[in-house]
Structure formats: structure tokens, C-alpha cells
Amino acid sequence: MNVQVVSDQKLLNCYLSGDRNAISQLIERHSRRVRDYIQMMVKDGDVADDIFQETFIKACLLYTSDAAD
């Protein structure tokens, strides 16, 4: 079986080119690890969920604004 894994950089480039599915793949790829880390830090599931969401929103906005410059 030959499974090709798309790099994070390629997914990010696709997202910046307008492929909204690419960001979903990136979030899915890293969500568990990021969410678990946040949960470990704040010790509150609801707060961790909010921080997790804000983290990815800010990352998307940051990359989008940098790409526009």
C-alpha cells in the first residue's frame, strides 16, 4: 500500500490559495495533541475547548494576513 502524506506546509499553502478543506485537514491532524496540551495546562475542559478554538482561529488569521502582505 502506497499512502502519500501531504506535508503541513503543502496543506497550509493550499489553504492560503483558497482551499478551505486544507485547513480542516491541518486542524484534524494536530487537534488531539494541541487540545490535550491545553487541557493539561488549564485543567478545565470547557476552557481548554475555548482556548483550542481561539488558537486555530488566530493561526488562520495570522497566516492569511501574512500571505496578503
C-alpha atoms as a PDB file:
ATOM      1  CA  MET A   1       0.000   0.000   0.000  1.00  0.00           C
ATOM      2  CA  ASN A   2       1.445   3.368  -1.035  1.00  0.00           C
ATOM      3  CA  VAL A   3      -0.051   6.129   1.058  1.00  0.00           C
ATOM      4  CA  GLN A   4       1.229   9.622   0.410  1.00  0.00           C
ATOM      5  CA  VAL A   5       1.035  12.005   3.336  1.00  0.00           C
ATOM      6  CA  VAL A   6       0.683  15.661   2.436  1.00  0.00           C
ATOM      7  CA  SER A   7       3.016  17.898   4.445  1.00  0.00           C
ATOM      8  CA  ASP A   8       1.718  20.574   6.780  1.00  0.00           C
ATOM      9  CA  GLN A   9       3.426  23.183   4.619  1.00  0.00           C
ATOM     10  CA  LYS A  10       1.644  21.963   1.488  1.00  0.00           C
ATOM     11  CA  LEU A  11      -1.707  21.984   3.293  1.00  0.00           C
ATOM     12  CA  LEU A  12      -1.008  25.494   4.537  1.00  0.00           C
ATOM     13  CA  ASN A  13      -0.135  26.632   1.024  1.00  0.00           C
ATOM     14  CA  CYS A  14      -3.359  25.076  -0.289  1.00  0.00           C
ATOM     15  CA  TYR A  15      -5.338  26.876   2.420  1.00  0.00           C
ATOM     16  CA  LEU A  16      -3.707  30.177   1.522  1.00  0.00           C
ATOM     17  CA  SER A  17      -4.605  29.530  -2.113  1.00  0.00           C
ATOM     18  CA  GLY A  18      -8.273  29.212  -1.182  1.00  0.00           C
ATOM     19  CA  ASP A  19      -8.710  25.501  -0.375  1.00  0.00           C
ATOM     20  CA  ARG A  20     -10.759  25.628   2.848  1.00  0.00           C
ATOM     21  CA  ASN A  21     -10.630  21.834   3.146  1.00  0.00           C
ATOM     22  CA  ALA A  22      -6.872  22.034   3.688  1.00  0.00           C
ATOM     23  CA  ILE A  23      -7.235  23.876   6.999  1.00  0.00           C
ATOM     24  CA  SER A  24      -9.686  21.239   8.178  1.00  0.00           C
ATOM     25  CA  GLN A  25      -7.075  18.585   7.480  1.00  0.00           C
ATOM     26  CA  LEU A  26      -4.432  20.515   9.405  1.00  0.00           C
ATOM     27  CA  ILE A  27      -6.730  21.001  12.375  1.00  0.00           C
ATOM     28  CA  GLU A  28      -7.715  17.350  12.350  1.00  0.00           C
ATOM     29  CA  ARG A  29      -4.075  16.305  12.147  1.00  0.00           C
ATOM     30  CA  HIS A  30      -2.987  18.347  15.168  1.00  0.00           C
ATOM     31  CA  SER A  31      -6.161  18.811  17.211  1.00  0.00           C
ATOM     32  CA  ARG A  32      -5.741  15.988  19.690  1.00  0.00           C
ATOM     33  CA  ARG A  33      -2.184  16.882  20.617  1.00  0.00           C
ATOM     34  CA  VAL A  34      -2.912  20.604  20.919  1.00  0.00           C
ATOM     35  CA  ARG A  35      -6.173  20.056  22.820  1.00  0.00           C
ATOM     36  CA  ASP A  36      -4.512  17.607  25.234  1.00  0.00           C
ATOM     37  CA  TYR A  37      -1.682  20.046  25.915  1.00  0.00           C
ATOM     38  CA  ILE A  38      -4.095  22.897  26.611  1.00  0.00           C
ATOM     39  CA  GLN A  39      -6.191  20.634  28.861  1.00  0.00           C
ATOM     40  CA  MET A  40      -3.066  19.708  30.821  1.00  0.00           C
ATOM     41  CA  MET A  41      -2.247  23.390  31.321  1.00  0.00           C
ATOM     42  CA  VAL A  42      -5.684  24.743  32.334  1.00  0.00           C
ATOM     43  CA  LYS A  43      -7.273  21.670  33.947  1.00  0.00           C
ATOM     44  CA  ASP A  44     -10.728  22.668  32.694  1.00  0.00           C
ATOM     45  CA  GLY A  45     -12.308  21.036  29.643  1.00  0.00           C
ATOM     46  CA  ASP A  46     -14.574  23.932  28.693  1.00  0.00           C
ATOM     47  CA  VAL A  47     -11.785  26.477  28.991  1.00  0.00           C
ATOM     48  CA  ALA A  48      -9.467  24.165  27.050  1.00  0.00           C
ATOM     49  CA  ASP A  49     -12.029  23.918  24.239  1.00  0.00           C
ATOM     50  CA  ASP A  50     -12.314  27.705  24.048  1.00  0.00           C
ATOM     51  CA  ILE A  51      -8.549  28.213  24.020  1.00  0.00           C
ATOM     52  CA  PHE A  52      -8.152  25.458  21.428  1.00  0.00           C
ATOM     53  CA  GLN A  53     -10.651  27.122  19.113  1.00  0.00           C
ATOM     54  CA  GLU A  54      -9.102  30.555  19.569  1.00  0.00           C
ATOM     55  CA  THR A  55      -5.642  29.123  18.893  1.00  0.00           C
ATOM     56  CA  PHE A  56      -6.593  27.808  15.469  1.00  0.00           C
ATOM     57  CA  ILE A  57      -8.606  30.912  14.593  1.00  0.00           C
ATOM     58  CA  LYS A  58      -5.651  33.147  15.421  1.00  0.00           C
ATOM     59  CA  ALA A  59      -3.258  30.921  13.483  1.00  0.00           C
ATOM     60  CA  CYS A  60      -5.504  31.049  10.417  1.00  0.00           C
ATOM     61  CA  LEU A  61      -5.829  34.818  10.651  1.00  0.00           C
ATOM     62  CA  LEU A  62      -2.094  35.242  11.142  1.00  0.00           C
ATOM     63  CA  TYR A  63      -1.181  33.126   8.122  1.00  0.00           C
ATOM     64  CA  THR A  64      -3.858  34.738   5.990  1.00  0.00           C
ATOM     65  CA  SER A  65      -2.737  38.267   6.851  1.00  0.00           C
ATOM     66  CA  ASP A  66       0.946  37.396   6.299  1.00  0.00           C
ATOM     67  CA  ALA A  67       0.118  35.931   2.894  1.00  0.00           C
ATOM     68  CA  ALA A  68      -1.694  39.127   1.895  1.00  0.00           C
ATOM     69  CA  ASP A  69       1.382  41.288   2.644  1.00  0.00           C
END
